[in-house]
Amino acid sequence: MLRSILDGRARHENPNTLRLTLLACLVTLVTATQGAMYDYIVVGAGIAGAGAASTLKKNGESSVIVLEGRDRLGGRLYSEKVGGYTVNLGASWVHGLRGNPLVSLAKQAGVALSKERSDYEDTKTYYASGKPVPTGAEASYDATWEKFEKYLEARQDEADYDYDDDPGLGPVVDAFVRKKRLTGTEREAFIFNVKVNIEDEYAADYPQLSLWYDDDASLRGGDKLVTGPYDGLVTYLLRGIEVALDSPVERIDYAGSFSSGVSVNANGKEYVARKGVIVTVPLGVLKARSIKFVPDLPKKNRNAIAAMGMGVLNKCVLVFDSIWWDQEEWIQQIADNFQANFNLAPVSGEPILYGFNSGDTAKEIERWSDAKTCDTLMAALRRMYPDAPKSYRHCVVTRWGEDPFSKGSYSYTTPRMEYRPAHKGVGAAVA
């Protein structure tokens, strides 16, 4: 049984049918020979690929290899030591603790989570000038946001879930601004709330999002920060499984007969899968057509890939010698960038700040140098905290949009998806 991540349904396949399924601590690293044959080939050593390979192993499949384009495991789970601290440069939280298999997996792998659940209401907000937002003004901005949430819900209900005629979130946001005659600081504060509550969550600007951008299932129980190395989950799942690093897959040929298998070309070498190939590369890689499929993927799959959006959410990580800022979990500014900055101090006791940017702002900042990105966040902090040190001890900048093995952070629902047709049948094996 293989589980498809595209529609979440388990499917039982005929064992005599070749399967190419799209799925958006001791590890055996290998250098395979030309034409090496395996029962199964898994493309991608992120959490999806590691989960697929681990499941195959549990089901008694011993002839499995994982091909990974990077020189490391983990994909968008990416942990580094920075100034002696473990920093997660990709995913950072476990969202939804109740019934979440990642919680038990983290325990098995020895990857620590924060002791307390994250408190997204624990914020301190400043204007771009560096002045703190007064309590009265913040209450007014929050009241406007609550009115917008009700307005949005009403617009969603009026549209009656007609996914095939999706006006998008943009017209609703703009209409609310006009309806409430928001101008000046009030408008800036409202757009700030759109940014931190929606755009940073879905990694895309609001005009790019579906009216039903938030129509997704979620687990309950709150969230926890991963304080240990998040990519340790992947290392744990892949223990005892062959992995070839520095092996970007360029071509997958599934045109042959069952006896000839599926041919996979990676970094100039050919691998052959006798039973099936599981492709777990990110949506951004599929959208860029970085892998050539022979024959091409079915039209329904190509349409779904083209219609879905791939967002960008980046971090600028600043490490200091000591903690000199507010103790709230989130330090925010009503500004053009770095609106939301996560404070690790109250969670882990570490003198570290994560500055976030999403959507088009994140894409623009990816073109900046590391120094400019780090100095821009530092300058904003000095406006909020005039007594702040002149500089940081360490700074790390992510560029998930430019990363050739991800080409983005995660997917979002666009107005052009034609929701029902886009999802119909894409969970099935393509051959």
Foldseek 3Di string as FASTA:
>chain_A
DDAAQLQGDDDDDDQLDAFAFEHLQAFAEDDDDFAAEFQEEEEAQAPVSLVRVLVCVVVPGARYEYEAQAQDGHQQLDWDQDPNFIDGFGDWKDFADPPDVVVVLCVVLVFDWFPDFDDPVLEWEAALLQHTDDPVRVVVLVVLVVVLVVQLVVVVVVVVPQLQQWPFQVVSVVVSCVVVVDDDPSVLSNVLCCCVVPCLVAQADRRFATSVQPPDDGHDDGMITGRGRSSSSSNNSNNPHYYYYSWHWAEWEPPDDLCQAIWIHTPRGIYGHNRYYYYNFHLLLVCVCSHHYVVHFDPLQNLLSVQWAFHAKKKKKFAAPAADDDPGQWYAYSDDAQRTKGACCNGPVGRMIIGMDGHPVLVVCLPPDSVVVQVVVVVSVCSNPVPDDPHTPDIDIDNQCPPNRHNHRHITHGSNNSPPSSSPPSRGGRD
